[in-house]
Amino acid sequence: MKKGDFLWLLALVGFILIMVLPATHEIFVALTTKHAYIGGFVKFSILSTMGELLAIRITTGDWKIPRGVIYRALIWGFLGMIIVLMFALFTTGVQGNIVKGMLPGGESKFIFAFMVSTIMNLTFAPTMMAFHRITDTFIDLKYEKKGKVTLNDVVSKVDWNGFVSFVILKTIPFFWIPAHTITFLLPPEYRILVAASLSIALGGILAFSKKKVRIVKN
């Protein structure tokens, strides 16, 4: 085990302990409830960045800090705030439509969670993922060109075929919908934390998929 492996695991364990230990757990729940947007920003900026670092570790075999890591973390934080809003909108909207009889479910918590996850991931998720792919590509090009980067440069650089065929058509139905169904079965105060934590798992999935493609090409 490399030093970076130990430090990454130590950071993850520390984050988990904050959630588990009674004293810090109560503070976490109180802050998350009172300052939902700030909580979403912090959770996603930290955990999603850890997911990116893990993906690089798996793909390259070493720990490397990606270029523009601060900007990437800020974007993750911003997306975390948006996700806080979307979770509230979709849960309230689905529940309201179930009550009106416009969606199935009745009193079933599982069907409610599944409906929220499915509708959110088929509508909001692709837009968010495309936005994140564009911002990531912009940061990459900014460090490569060290000059003006146009929208055309970014859009042309993005692998849209891979984005649609893998990220949209595979990760959404086989990862995000099942994972978020479980997420929406949890109490509201834990949903954003679990959603942010899922980015670590997805980082591993994406990294393994990249390694598999490289092996096939070689």
Protein backbone atom coordinates (compact mmCIF):
# COMPACT_ATOMS: atom_id res chain seq x y z
CA MET A 1 0.00 0.00 0.00
CA LYS A 2 1.33 3.39 -1.01
CA LYS A 3 1.36 6.42 1.25
CA GLY A 4 -1.38 7.99 -0.87
CA ASP A 5 -3.60 4.93 -0.35
CA PHE A 6 -3.25 5.28 3.41
CA LEU A 7 -3.98 9.02 3.36
CA TRP A 8 -7.04 8.58 1.12
CA LEU A 9 -8.44 5.81 3.30
CA LEU A 10 -7.67 7.85 6.42
CA ALA A 11 -9.65 10.79 5.02
CA LEU A 12 -12.57 8.51 4.15
CA VAL A 13 -12.57 6.87 7.58
CA GLY A 14 -12.41 10.29 9.24
CA PHE A 15 -15.43 11.44 7.26
CA ILE A 16 -17.33 8.28 8.20
CA LEU A 17 -16.47 8.69 11.88
CA ILE A 18 -17.93 12.19 11.84
CA MET A 19 -21.19 10.65 10.66
CA VAL A 20 -21.12 7.75 13.13
CA LEU A 21 -19.88 9.18 16.44
CA PRO A 22 -22.86 10.40 18.52
CA ALA A 23 -21.45 13.87 19.33
CA THR A 24 -20.45 14.80 15.77
CA HIS A 25 -23.46 13.00 14.32
CA GLU A 26 -25.87 15.32 16.11
CA ILE A 27 -23.93 18.38 14.93
CA PHE A 28 -23.93 17.03 11.37
CA VAL A 29 -27.69 16.46 11.33
CA ALA A 30 -28.37 19.90 12.82
CA LEU A 31 -26.11 21.71 10.34
CA THR A 32 -27.42 19.72 7.38
CA THR A 33 -30.99 20.55 8.29
CA LYS A 34 -30.37 24.24 8.96
CA HIS A 35 -27.84 24.94 6.17
CA ALA A 36 -28.76 22.46 3.43
CA TYR A 37 -27.02 24.27 0.56
CA ILE A 38 -23.75 24.76 2.44
CA GLY A 39 -23.88 21.12 3.53
CA GLY A 40 -24.40 20.00 -0.06
CA PHE A 41 -21.49 22.14 -1.23
CA VAL A 42 -19.10 20.73 1.38
CA LYS A 43 -20.12 17.09 0.93
CA PHE A 44 -19.87 17.08 -2.85
CA SER A 45 -16.70 19.18 -3.08
CA ILE A 46 -14.90 16.78 -0.73
CA LEU A 47 -16.32 13.35 -1.55
CA SER A 48 -16.62 13.83 -5.32
CA THR A 49 -13.05 15.12 -5.48
CA MET A 50 -11.99 12.02 -3.56
CA GLY A 51 -13.82 9.98 -6.21
CA GLU A 52 -11.84 11.68 -8.97
CA LEU A 53 -8.57 11.00 -7.15
CA LEU A 54 -9.54 7.34 -6.75
CA ALA A 55 -10.32 7.07 -10.45
CA ILE A 56 -6.88 8.47 -11.32
CA ARG A 57 -5.24 6.08 -8.84
CA ILE A 58 -6.98 3.06 -10.39
CA THR A 59 -6.37 4.18 -13.97
CA THR A 60 -2.72 5.22 -13.71
CA GLY A 61 -1.60 3.15 -10.73
CA ASP A 62 -0.48 6.24 -8.86
CA TRP A 63 -1.93 9.19 -6.96
CA LYS A 64 -1.95 12.36 -9.03
CA ILE A 65 -3.67 15.63 -8.32
CA PRO A 66 -5.62 16.62 -11.44
CA ARG A 67 -4.92 20.00 -12.98
CA GLY A 68 -7.27 22.66 -11.72
CA VAL A 69 -8.32 20.54 -8.76
CA ILE A 70 -9.57 23.61 -6.84
CA TYR A 71 -11.80 24.63 -9.74
CA ARG A 72 -13.07 21.06 -10.09
CA ALA A 73 -13.89 20.94 -6.37
CA LEU A 74 -15.76 24.26 -6.62
CA ILE A 75 -17.79 22.94 -9.54
CA TRP A 76 -18.60 19.80 -7.56
CA GLY A 77 -19.67 22.00 -4.67
CA PHE A 78 -21.91 24.05 -6.94
CA LEU A 79 -23.47 20.86 -8.32
CA GLY A 80 -23.97 19.68 -4.75
CA MET A 81 -26.08 22.76 -4.05
CA ILE A 82 -28.12 22.17 -7.22
CA ILE A 83 -28.62 18.54 -6.25
CA VAL A 84 -29.94 19.62 -2.83
CA LEU A 85 -32.56 21.68 -4.65
CA MET A 86 -33.38 18.92 -7.15
CA PHE A 87 -33.79 16.31 -4.42
CA ALA A 88 -36.34 18.53 -2.71
CA LEU A 89 -38.16 19.33 -5.97
CA PHE A 90 -38.39 15.75 -7.18
CA THR A 91 -39.38 14.22 -3.84
CA THR A 92 -42.10 16.83 -3.30
CA GLY A 93 -43.28 16.60 -6.91
CA VAL A 94 -43.45 12.82 -7.01
CA GLN A 95 -45.21 12.66 -3.64
CA GLY A 96 -47.75 15.24 -4.80
CA ASN A 97 -48.47 13.34 -8.00
CA ILE A 98 -48.82 10.05 -6.12
CA VAL A 99 -51.39 11.69 -3.84
CA LYS A 100 -53.27 12.99 -6.91
CA GLY A 101 -53.22 9.52 -8.47
CA MET A 102 -51.08 10.68 -11.39
CA LEU A 103 -48.30 8.27 -10.42
CA PRO A 104 -48.47 4.75 -8.93
CA GLY A 105 -47.17 3.96 -5.48
CA GLY A 106 -49.77 4.60 -2.82
CA GLU A 107 -48.16 4.11 0.59
CA SER A 108 -45.23 2.06 -0.75
CA LYS A 109 -41.91 3.66 0.24
CA PHE A 110 -40.04 1.56 -2.29
CA ILE A 111 -42.19 2.60 -5.26
CA PHE A 112 -41.94 6.23 -4.12
CA ALA A 113 -38.13 6.00 -3.96
CA PHE A 114 -37.98 4.22 -7.32
CA MET A 115 -40.21 6.78 -9.01
CA VAL A 116 -38.19 9.73 -7.66
CA SER A 117 -34.91 8.12 -8.71
CA THR A 118 -36.15 7.13 -12.18
CA ILE A 119 -37.78 10.46 -13.07
CA MET A 120 -34.86 12.50 -11.72
CA ASN A 121 -32.23 10.41 -13.49
CA LEU A 122 -34.06 10.43 -16.81
CA THR A 123 -34.62 14.21 -16.80
CA PHE A 124 -32.23 16.20 -14.62
CA ALA A 125 -29.25 13.83 -14.51
CA PRO A 126 -28.27 13.95 -18.23
CA THR A 127 -28.23 17.76 -18.17
CA MET A 128 -26.12 17.84 -15.01
CA MET A 129 -23.71 15.23 -16.37
CA ALA A 130 -23.32 17.11 -19.65
CA PHE A 131 -22.65 20.34 -17.75
CA HIS A 132 -20.01 18.62 -15.65
CA ARG A 133 -18.38 17.03 -18.72
CA ILE A 134 -18.21 20.45 -20.39
CA THR A 135 -16.72 22.20 -17.34
CA ASP A 136 -14.15 19.41 -16.87
CA THR A 137 -13.16 19.65 -20.52
CA PHE A 138 -12.89 23.43 -20.28
CA ILE A 139 -10.48 23.12 -17.35
CA ASP A 140 -8.40 20.52 -19.21
CA LEU A 141 -8.16 22.70 -22.32
CA LYS A 142 -7.37 25.80 -20.27
CA TYR A 143 -4.30 24.09 -18.84
CA GLU A 144 -3.32 22.55 -22.19
CA LYS A 145 -3.66 25.66 -24.36
CA LYS A 146 -2.88 28.26 -21.71
CA GLY A 147 -4.89 30.76 -23.71
CA LYS A 148 -8.43 31.57 -24.72
CA VAL A 149 -10.72 28.55 -24.84
CA THR A 150 -13.93 28.88 -26.81
CA LEU A 151 -17.18 27.00 -26.40
CA ASN A 152 -16.58 25.42 -29.81
CA ASP A 153 -13.21 24.12 -28.57
CA VAL A 154 -14.86 22.50 -25.58
CA VAL A 155 -17.84 20.98 -27.42
CA SER A 156 -15.54 19.60 -30.12
CA LYS A 157 -13.22 18.03 -27.54
CA VAL A 158 -15.91 16.18 -25.58
CA ASP A 159 -16.36 12.51 -26.51
CA TRP A 160 -20.12 12.73 -26.93
CA ASN A 161 -20.38 9.20 -28.32
CA GLY A 162 -18.77 7.80 -25.18
CA PHE A 163 -20.84 10.14 -23.02
CA VAL A 164 -24.13 8.92 -24.49
CA SER A 165 -23.25 5.24 -24.95
CA PHE A 166 -21.68 4.74 -21.52
CA VAL A 167 -22.54 7.55 -19.10
CA ILE A 168 -26.16 7.98 -20.19
CA LEU A 169 -27.18 4.56 -21.50
CA LYS A 170 -25.26 2.42 -19.00
CA THR A 171 -24.55 4.24 -15.75
CA ILE A 172 -28.03 5.76 -15.46
CA PRO A 173 -30.11 2.55 -15.72
CA PHE A 174 -27.60 0.16 -14.16
CA PHE A 175 -26.01 2.34 -11.48
CA TRP A 176 -27.71 5.65 -10.74
CA ILE A 177 -31.37 4.58 -10.75
CA PRO A 178 -30.81 1.57 -8.43
CA ALA A 179 -28.37 3.52 -6.23
CA HIS A 180 -30.65 6.54 -5.88
CA THR A 181 -33.64 4.29 -5.20
CA ILE A 182 -31.78 3.12 -2.10
CA THR A 183 -30.83 6.72 -1.36
CA PHE A 184 -34.45 7.90 -1.34
CA LEU A 185 -35.40 5.10 1.05
CA LEU A 186 -33.19 6.76 3.66
CA PRO A 187 -34.18 9.63 5.98
CA PRO A 188 -33.89 13.04 4.21
CA GLU A 189 -30.90 14.20 6.29
CA TYR A 190 -28.73 11.37 4.91
CA ARG A 191 -29.69 11.50 1.24
CA ILE A 192 -27.27 14.19 0.06
CA LEU A 193 -24.39 12.59 1.96
CA VAL A 194 -25.07 9.20 0.37
CA ALA A 195 -25.49 10.82 -3.06
CA ALA A 196 -22.09 12.48 -2.70
CA SER A 197 -20.55 9.22 -1.48
CA LEU A 198 -21.83 7.44 -4.58
CA SER A 199 -19.45 9.53 -6.68
CA ILE A 200 -16.58 7.61 -5.05
CA ALA A 201 -18.10 4.32 -6.21
CA LEU A 202 -18.75 5.73 -9.68
CA GLY A 203 -15.15 6.95 -9.85
CA GLY A 204 -14.04 3.37 -9.38
CA ILE A 205 -16.48 2.09 -12.02
CA LEU A 206 -15.37 4.67 -14.59
CA ALA A 207 -11.71 3.95 -13.88
CA PHE A 208 -12.13 0.20 -14.30
CA SER A 209 -14.03 0.78 -17.57
CA LYS A 210 -11.14 2.90 -18.88
CA LYS A 211 -8.61 0.23 -17.94
CA LYS A 212 -10.72 -2.41 -19.68
CA VAL A 213 -10.85 -0.33 -22.87
CA ARG A 214 -7.07 0.13 -22.80
CA ILE A 215 -6.51 -3.63 -22.39
CA VAL A 216 -8.81 -4.39 -25.32
CA LYS A 217 -7.05 -1.83 -27.54
CA ASN A 218 -3.63 -3.23 -26.66
